[in-house]
Amino acid sequence: MNWQEIRKLYPDQYVLVKILKSRTEGNREIIEDVALLRNITDPVEATRELTRSKGDTLVYHTGNEEMVLEIRTRPGYRGVI
């Protein structure tokens, strides 16, 4: 299912999705295809689900026009290991 379809079905809501297909451009991950797991109407529950999400599962708000994630790299440490 693409993001625009989910936005039409659940306007202005949080949704729990599983990423099926994505691509990387620079430091951004562009999500192309997702599986809708469920909608979340309570913002507190959405935050709780987001903190529990791992791997290819995430909570996103349908108010966003695109599903884009910023890829952050961990800073390296200098010194003797």
PDB file of N, CA and C in Angstrom:
ATOM      1  N   MET A   1       0.854  -1.160   0.000  1.00  0.00           N
ATOM      2  CA  MET A   1       0.000   0.000   0.000  1.00  0.00           C
ATOM      3  C   MET A   1       0.906   1.230   0.000  1.00  0.00           C
ATOM      4  N   ASN A   2       0.557   2.227  -0.788  1.00  0.00           N
ATOM      5  CA  ASN A   2       1.409   3.411  -0.784  1.00  0.00           C
ATOM      6  C   ASN A   2       0.896   4.438   0.226  1.00  0.00           C
ATOM      7  N   TRP A   3       1.751   5.395   0.527  1.00  0.00           N
ATOM      8  CA  TRP A   3       1.481   6.364   1.576  1.00  0.00           C
ATOM      9  C   TRP A   3       0.259   7.221   1.267  1.00  0.00           C
ATOM     10  N   GLN A   4       0.059   7.595   0.021  1.00  0.00           N
ATOM     11  CA  GLN A   4      -1.083   8.447  -0.338  1.00  0.00           C
ATOM     12  C   GLN A   4      -2.416   7.735  -0.079  1.00  0.00           C
ATOM     13  N   GLU A   5      -2.477   6.444  -0.294  1.00  0.00           N
ATOM     14  CA  GLU A   5      -3.697   5.674  -0.007  1.00  0.00           C
ATOM     15  C   GLU A   5      -3.996   5.676   1.495  1.00  0.00           C
ATOM     16  N   ILE A   6      -2.969   5.486   2.294  1.00  0.00           N
ATOM     17  CA  ILE A   6      -3.143   5.476   3.757  1.00  0.00           C
ATOM     18  C   ILE A   6      -3.596   6.854   4.233  1.00  0.00           C
ATOM     19  N   ARG A   7      -3.020   7.902   3.666  1.00  0.00           N
ATOM     20  CA  ARG A   7      -3.411   9.267   4.049  1.00  0.00           C
ATOM     21  C   ARG A   7      -4.885   9.529   3.761  1.00  0.00           C
ATOM     22  N   LYS A   8      -5.404   8.987   2.660  1.00  0.00           N
ATOM     23  CA  LYS A   8      -6.820   9.178   2.322  1.00  0.00           C
ATOM     24  C   LYS A   8      -7.725   8.387   3.267  1.00  0.00           C
ATOM     25  N   LEU A   9      -7.309   7.181   3.638  1.00  0.00           N
ATOM     26  CA  LEU A   9      -8.112   6.340   4.524  1.00  0.00           C
ATOM     27  C   LEU A   9      -8.132   6.852   5.965  1.00  0.00           C
ATOM     28  N   TYR A  10      -6.999   7.374   6.438  1.00  0.00           N
ATOM     29  CA  TYR A  10      -6.860   7.807   7.831  1.00  0.00           C
ATOM     30  C   TYR A  10      -6.310   9.231   7.897  1.00  0.00           C
ATOM     31  N   PRO A  11      -7.085  10.230   7.500  1.00  0.00           N
ATOM     32  CA  PRO A  11      -6.575  11.603   7.506  1.00  0.00           C
ATOM     33  C   PRO A  11      -6.296  12.107   8.918  1.00  0.00           C
ATOM     34  N   ASP A  12      -5.168  12.771   9.057  1.00  0.00           N
ATOM     35  CA  ASP A  12      -4.785  13.428  10.309  1.00  0.00           C
ATOM     36  C   ASP A  12      -4.758  12.479  11.508  1.00  0.00           C
ATOM     37  N   GLN A  13      -4.177  11.297  11.317  1.00  0.00           N
ATOM     38  CA  GLN A  13      -4.061  10.307  12.382  1.00  0.00           C
ATOM     39  C   GLN A  13      -2.668   9.703  12.385  1.00  0.00           C
ATOM     40  N   TYR A  14      -2.339   9.054  13.472  1.00  0.00           N
ATOM     41  CA  TYR A  14      -1.115   8.265  13.546  1.00  0.00           C
ATOM     42  C   TYR A  14      -1.432   6.864  13.044  1.00  0.00           C
ATOM     43  N   VAL A  15      -0.450   6.260  12.374  1.00  0.00           N
ATOM     44  CA  VAL A  15      -0.614   4.891  11.908  1.00  0.00           C
ATOM     45  C   VAL A  15       0.651   4.098  12.226  1.00  0.00           C
ATOM     46  N   LEU A  16       0.458   2.837  12.527  1.00  0.00           N
ATOM     47  CA  LEU A  16       1.558   1.913  12.743  1.00  0.00           C
ATOM     48  C   LEU A  16       1.737   1.149  11.444  1.00  0.00           C
ATOM     49  N   VAL A  17       2.923   1.223  10.858  1.00  0.00           N
ATOM     50  CA  VAL A  17       3.172   0.592   9.562  1.00  0.00           C
ATOM     51  C   VAL A  17       4.432  -0.252   9.596  1.00  0.00           C
ATOM     52  N   LYS A  18       4.509  -1.173   8.653  1.00  0.00           N
ATOM     53  CA  LYS A  18       5.708  -1.973   8.440  1.00  0.00           C
ATOM     54  C   LYS A  18       6.251  -1.589   7.075  1.00  0.00           C
ATOM     55  N   ILE A  19       7.522  -1.230   7.008  1.00  0.00           N
ATOM     56  CA  ILE A  19       8.144  -0.819   5.754  1.00  0.00           C
ATOM     57  C   ILE A  19       8.404  -2.054   4.898  1.00  0.00           C
ATOM     58  N   LEU A  20       7.885  -2.030   3.671  1.00  0.00           N
ATOM     59  CA  LEU A  20       8.096  -3.134   2.737  1.00  0.00           C
ATOM     60  C   LEU A  20       9.154  -2.809   1.686  1.00  0.00           C
ATOM     61  N   LYS A  21       9.206  -1.531   1.276  1.00  0.00           N
ATOM     62  CA  LYS A  21      10.157  -1.127   0.245  1.00  0.00           C
ATOM     63  C   LYS A  21      10.576   0.313   0.481  1.00  0.00           C
ATOM     64  N   SER A  22      11.880   0.567   0.412  1.00  0.00           N
ATOM     65  CA  SER A  22      12.391   1.919   0.577  1.00  0.00           C
ATOM     66  C   SER A  22      13.674   2.073  -0.226  1.00  0.00           C
ATOM     67  N   ARG A  23      14.093   3.330  -0.394  1.00  0.00           N
ATOM     68  CA  ARG A  23      15.355   3.605  -1.072  1.00  0.00           C
ATOM     69  C   ARG A  23      16.060   4.725  -0.302  1.00  0.00           C
ATOM     70  N   THR A  24      17.375   4.775  -0.453  1.00  0.00           N
ATOM     71  CA  THR A  24      18.175   5.770   0.248  1.00  0.00           C
ATOM     72  C   THR A  24      18.680   6.808  -0.742  1.00  0.00           C
ATOM     73  N   GLU A  25      18.522   8.064  -0.368  1.00  0.00           N
ATOM     74  CA  GLU A  25      19.069   9.185  -1.130  1.00  0.00           C
ATOM     75  C   GLU A  25      19.823  10.072  -0.155  1.00  0.00           C
ATOM     76  N   GLY A  26      21.139  10.029  -0.229  1.00  0.00           N
ATOM     77  CA  GLY A  26      21.953  10.804   0.713  1.00  0.00           C
ATOM     78  C   GLY A  26      21.729  10.321   2.127  1.00  0.00           C
ATOM     79  N   ASN A  27      21.302  11.212   3.000  1.00  0.00           N
ATOM     80  CA  ASN A  27      21.048  10.838   4.400  1.00  0.00           C
ATOM     81  C   ASN A  27      19.554  10.695   4.685  1.00  0.00           C
ATOM     82  N   ARG A  28      18.773  10.389   3.629  1.00  0.00           N
ATOM     83  CA  ARG A  28      17.323  10.220   3.783  1.00  0.00           C
ATOM     84  C   ARG A  28      16.888   8.854   3.265  1.00  0.00           C
ATOM     85  N   GLU A  29      15.963   8.235   3.980  1.00  0.00           N
ATOM     86  CA  GLU A  29      15.344   6.992   3.525  1.00  0.00           C
ATOM     87  C   GLU A  29      13.937   7.338   3.052  1.00  0.00           C
ATOM     88  N   ILE A  30      13.681   7.125   1.765  1.00  0.00           N
ATOM     89  CA  ILE A  30      12.388   7.406   1.163  1.00  0.00           C
ATOM     90  C   ILE A  30      11.586   6.109   1.201  1.00  0.00           C
ATOM     91  N   ILE A  31      10.449   6.107   1.901  1.00  0.00           N
ATOM     92  CA  ILE A  31       9.614   4.917   2.028  1.00  0.00           C
ATOM     93  C   ILE A  31       8.669   4.865   0.826  1.00  0.00           C
ATOM     94  N   GLU A  32       8.707   3.763   0.085  1.00  0.00           N
ATOM     95  CA  GLU A  32       7.890   3.631  -1.116  1.00  0.00           C
ATOM     96  C   GLU A  32       6.657   2.760  -0.926  1.00  0.00           C
ATOM     97  N   ASP A  33       6.763   1.724  -0.102  1.00  0.00           N
ATOM     98  CA  ASP A  33       5.644   0.796   0.074  1.00  0.00           C
ATOM     99  C   ASP A  33       5.605   0.335   1.520  1.00  0.00           C
ATOM    100  N   VAL A  34       4.414   0.336   2.119  1.00  0.00           N
ATOM    101  CA  VAL A  34       4.247  -0.070   3.517  1.00  0.00           C
ATOM    102  C   VAL A  34       3.026  -0.976   3.662  1.00  0.00           C
ATOM    103  N   ALA A  35       3.008  -1.716   4.747  1.00  0.00           N
ATOM    104  CA  ALA A  35       1.831  -2.493   5.138  1.00  0.00           C
ATOM    105  C   ALA A  35       1.242  -1.801   6.369  1.00  0.00           C
ATOM    106  N   LEU A  36      -0.010  -1.446   6.281  1.00  0.00           N
ATOM    107  CA  LEU A  36      -0.687  -0.802   7.409  1.00  0.00           C
ATOM    108  C   LEU A  36      -1.010  -1.860   8.454  1.00  0.00           C
ATOM    109  N   LEU A  37      -0.507  -1.666   9.668  1.00  0.00           N
ATOM    110  CA  LEU A  37      -0.799  -2.593  10.756  1.00  0.00           C
ATOM    111  C   LEU A  37      -2.051  -2.148  11.506  1.00  0.00           C
ATOM    112  N   ARG A  38      -2.133  -0.832  11.803  1.00  0.00           N
ATOM    113  CA  ARG A  38      -3.346  -0.289  12.424  1.00  0.00           C
ATOM    114  C   ARG A  38      -3.218   1.216  12.567  1.00  0.00           C
ATOM    115  N   ASN A  39      -4.363   1.870  12.730  1.00  0.00           N
ATOM    116  CA  ASN A  39      -4.341   3.301  13.021  1.00  0.00           C
ATOM    117  C   ASN A  39      -4.344   3.496  14.528  1.00  0.00           C
ATOM    118  N   ILE A  40      -3.835   4.644  14.971  1.00  0.00           N
ATOM    119  CA  ILE A  40      -3.749   4.956  16.396  1.00  0.00           C
ATOM    120  C   ILE A  40      -4.369   6.333  16.592  1.00  0.00           C
ATOM    121  N   THR A  41      -5.434   6.402  17.368  1.00  0.00           N
ATOM    122  CA  THR A  41      -6.135   7.672  17.555  1.00  0.00           C
ATOM    123  C   THR A  41      -5.611   8.481  18.739  1.00  0.00           C
ATOM    124  N   ASP A  42      -5.006   7.835  19.713  1.00  0.00           N
ATOM    125  CA  ASP A  42      -4.524   8.507  20.916  1.00  0.00           C
ATOM    126  C   ASP A  42      -3.039   8.868  20.769  1.00  0.00           C
ATOM    127  N   PRO A  43      -2.672  10.155  20.859  1.00  0.00           N
ATOM    128  CA  PRO A  43      -1.269  10.555  20.721  1.00  0.00           C
ATOM    129  C   PRO A  43      -0.337   9.932  21.764  1.00  0.00           C
ATOM    130  N   VAL A  44      -0.832   9.710  22.963  1.00  0.00           N
ATOM    131  CA  VAL A  44      -0.004   9.076  23.994  1.00  0.00           C
ATOM    132  C   VAL A  44       0.308   7.636  23.609  1.00  0.00           C
ATOM    133  N   GLU A  45      -0.686   6.930  23.107  1.00  0.00           N
ATOM    134  CA  GLU A  45      -0.465   5.563  22.640  1.00  0.00           C
ATOM    135  C   GLU A  45       0.487   5.548  21.445  1.00  0.00           C
ATOM    136  N   ALA A  46       0.374   6.532  20.557  1.00  0.00           N
ATOM    137  CA  ALA A  46       1.267   6.629  19.400  1.00  0.00           C
ATOM    138  C   ALA A  46       2.716   6.786  19.848  1.00  0.00           C
ATOM    139  N   THR A  47       2.932   7.617  20.856  1.00  0.00           N
ATOM    140  CA  THR A  47       4.283   7.811  21.388  1.00  0.00           C
ATOM    141  C   THR A  47       4.806   6.528  22.007  1.00  0.00           C
ATOM    142  N   ARG A  48       3.955   5.841  22.750  1.00  0.00           N
ATOM    143  CA  ARG A  48       4.345   4.575  23.372  1.00  0.00           C
ATOM    144  C   ARG A  48       4.724   3.547  22.300  1.00  0.00           C
ATOM    145  N   GLU A  49       3.917   3.447  21.248  1.00  0.00           N
ATOM    146  CA  GLU A  49       4.204   2.507  20.158  1.00  0.00           C
ATOM    147  C   GLU A  49       5.491   2.883  19.432  1.00  0.00           C
ATOM    148  N   LEU A  50       5.725   4.176  19.257  1.00  0.00           N
ATOM    149  CA  LEU A  50       6.936   4.624  18.580  1.00  0.00           C
ATOM    150  C   LEU A  50       8.180   4.227  19.356  1.00  0.00           C
ATOM    151  N   THR A  51       8.141   4.365  20.675  1.00  0.00           N
ATOM    152  CA  THR A  51       9.311   3.999  21.484  1.00  0.00           C
ATOM    153  C   THR A  51       9.539   2.491  21.495  1.00  0.00           C
ATOM    154  N   ARG A  52       8.510   1.708  21.241  1.00  0.00           N
ATOM    155  CA  ARG A  52       8.628   0.246  21.198  1.00  0.00           C
ATOM    156  C   ARG A  52       8.989  -0.276  19.809  1.00  0.00           C
ATOM    157  N   SER A  53       8.825   0.549  18.787  1.00  0.00           N
ATOM    158  CA  SER A  53       9.032   0.074  17.417  1.00  0.00           C
ATOM    159  C   SER A  53      10.496  -0.243  17.157  1.00  0.00           C
ATOM    160  N   LYS A  54      10.719  -1.280  16.369  1.00  0.00           N
ATOM    161  CA  LYS A  54      12.075  -1.735  16.049  1.00  0.00           C
ATOM    162  C   LYS A  54      12.137  -2.108  14.580  1.00  0.00           C
ATOM    163  N   GLY A  55      13.327  -2.005  14.015  1.00  0.00           N
ATOM    164  CA  GLY A  55      13.552  -2.463  12.648  1.00  0.00           C
ATOM    165  C   GLY A  55      12.707  -1.747  11.625  1.00  0.00           C
ATOM    166  N   ASP A  56      11.863  -2.504  10.947  1.00  0.00           N
ATOM    167  CA  ASP A  56      11.081  -1.950   9.841  1.00  0.00           C
ATOM    168  C   ASP A  56       9.660  -1.547  10.238  1.00  0.00           C
ATOM    169  N   THR A  57       9.378  -1.453  11.532  1.00  0.00           N
ATOM    170  CA  THR A  57       8.067  -1.031  12.016  1.00  0.00           C
ATOM    171  C   THR A  57       8.181   0.361  12.625  1.00  0.00           C
ATOM    172  N   LEU A  58       7.238   1.249  12.280  1.00  0.00           N
ATOM    173  CA  LEU A  58       7.287   2.594  12.829  1.00  0.00           C
ATOM    174  C   LEU A  58       5.914   3.238  12.877  1.00  0.00           C
ATOM    175  N   VAL A  59       5.817   4.300  13.655  1.00  0.00           N
ATOM    176  CA  VAL A  59       4.598   5.100  13.773  1.00  0.00           C
ATOM    177  C   VAL A  59       4.848   6.393  13.006  1.00  0.00           C
ATOM    178  N   TYR A  60       3.869   6.787  12.190  1.00  0.00           N
ATOM    179  CA  TYR A  60       4.013   7.995  11.374  1.00  0.00           C
ATOM    180  C   TYR A  60       2.663   8.696  11.311  1.00  0.00           C
ATOM    181  N   HIS A  61       2.675  10.011  11.160  1.00  0.00           N
ATOM    182  CA  HIS A  61       1.434  10.784  11.123  1.00  0.00           C
ATOM    183  C   HIS A  61       1.041  11.052   9.674  1.00  0.00           C
ATOM    184  N   THR A  62      -0.238  10.866   9.364  1.00  0.00           N
ATOM    185  CA  THR A  62      -0.709  11.017   7.991  1.00  0.00           C
ATOM    186  C   THR A  62      -0.785  12.480   7.545  1.00  0.00           C
ATOM    187  N   GLY A  63      -0.511  13.403   8.425  1.00  0.00           N
ATOM    188  CA  GLY A  63      -0.432  14.801   8.041  1.00  0.00           C
ATOM    189  C   GLY A  63       0.803  15.097   7.202  1.00  0.00           C
ATOM    190  N   ASN A  64       1.783  14.198   7.237  1.00  0.00           N
ATOM    191  CA  ASN A  64       2.994  14.348   6.427  1.00  0.00           C
ATOM    192  C   ASN A  64       2.721  13.902   5.001  1.00  0.00           C
ATOM    193  N   GLU A  65       3.122  14.713   4.040  1.00  0.00           N
ATOM    194  CA  GLU A  65       2.859  14.392   2.640  1.00  0.00           C
ATOM    195  C   GLU A  65       3.681  13.218   2.135  1.00  0.00           C
ATOM    196  N   GLU A  66       4.906  13.066   2.633  1.00  0.00           N
ATOM    197  CA  GLU A  66       5.778  11.962   2.228  1.00  0.00           C
ATOM    198  C   GLU A  66       6.242  11.202   3.453  1.00  0.00           C
ATOM    199  N   MET A  67       6.620   9.958   3.235  1.00  0.00           N
ATOM    200  CA  MET A  67       7.247   9.183   4.305  1.00  0.00           C
ATOM    201  C   MET A  67       8.743   9.212   4.063  1.00  0.00           C
ATOM    202  N   VAL A  68       9.420  10.070   4.797  1.00  0.00           N
ATOM    203  CA  VAL A  68      10.862  10.242   4.657  1.00  0.00           C
ATOM    204  C   VAL A  68      11.481  10.208   6.048  1.00  0.00           C
ATOM    205  N   LEU A  69      12.519   9.396   6.204  1.00  0.00           N
ATOM    206  CA  LEU A  69      13.224   9.298   7.478  1.00  0.00           C
ATOM    207  C   LEU A  69      14.635   9.826   7.320  1.00  0.00           C
ATOM    208  N   GLU A  70      15.099  10.591   8.285  1.00  0.00           N
ATOM    209  CA  GLU A  70      16.475  11.066   8.273  1.00  0.00           C
ATOM    210  C   GLU A  70      17.367   9.976   8.853  1.00  0.00           C
ATOM    211  N   ILE A  71      18.410   9.643   8.131  1.00  0.00           N
ATOM    212  CA  ILE A  71      19.351   8.622   8.592  1.00  0.00           C
ATOM    213  C   ILE A  71      20.451   9.314   9.374  1.00  0.00           C
ATOM    214  N   ARG A  72      20.596   8.938  10.613  1.00  0.00           N
ATOM    215  CA  ARG A  72      21.633   9.515  11.466  1.00  0.00           C
ATOM    216  C   ARG A  72      22.696   8.472  11.716  1.00  0.00           C
ATOM    217  N   THR A  73      23.936   8.882  11.584  1.00  0.00           N
ATOM    218  CA  THR A  73      25.041   7.971  11.875  1.00  0.00           C
ATOM    219  C   THR A  73      25.561   8.283  13.262  1.00  0.00           C
ATOM    220  N   ARG A  74      26.018   7.281  13.912  1.00  0.00           N
ATOM    221  CA  ARG A  74      26.565   7.477  15.253  1.00  0.00           C
ATOM    222  C   ARG A  74      27.968   8.052  15.126  1.00  0.00           C
ATOM    223  N   PRO A  75      28.284   9.016  15.964  1.00  0.00           N
ATOM    224  CA  PRO A  75      29.631   9.587  15.881  1.00  0.00           C
ATOM    225  C   PRO A  75      30.681   8.574  16.321  1.00  0.00           C
ATOM    226  N   GLY A  76      31.799   8.593  15.651  1.00  0.00           N
ATOM    227  CA  GLY A  76      32.892   7.698  16.017  1.00  0.00           C
ATOM    228  C   GLY A  76      33.672   8.243  17.192  1.00  0.00           C
ATOM    229  N   TYR A  77      34.325   7.371  17.882  1.00  0.00           N
ATOM    230  CA  TYR A  77      35.148   7.769  19.023  1.00  0.00           C
ATOM    231  C   TYR A  77      36.598   7.551  18.672  1.00  0.00           C
ATOM    232  N   ARG A  78      37.422   8.502  19.020  1.00  0.00           N
ATOM    233  CA  ARG A  78      38.855   8.380  18.779  1.00  0.00           C
ATOM    234  C   ARG A  78      39.523   7.832  20.026  1.00  0.00           C
ATOM    235  N   GLY A  79      40.589   7.148  19.805  1.00  0.00           N
ATOM    236  CA  GLY A  79      41.324   6.648  20.951  1.00  0.00           C
ATOM    237  C   GLY A  79      41.585   5.154  20.822  1.00  0.00           C
ATOM    238  N   VAL A  80      42.200   4.611  21.802  1.00  0.00           N
ATOM    239  CA  VAL A  80      42.561   3.206  21.826  1.00  0.00           C
ATOM    240  C   VAL A  80      41.348   2.402  22.282  1.00  0.00           C
ATOM    241  N   ILE A  81      41.106   1.332  21.598  1.00  0.00           N
ATOM    242  CA  ILE A  81      39.975   0.467  21.956  1.00  0.00           C
ATOM    243  C   ILE A  81      40.460  -0.706  22.762  1.00  0.00           C
TER     244      ILE A  81
END
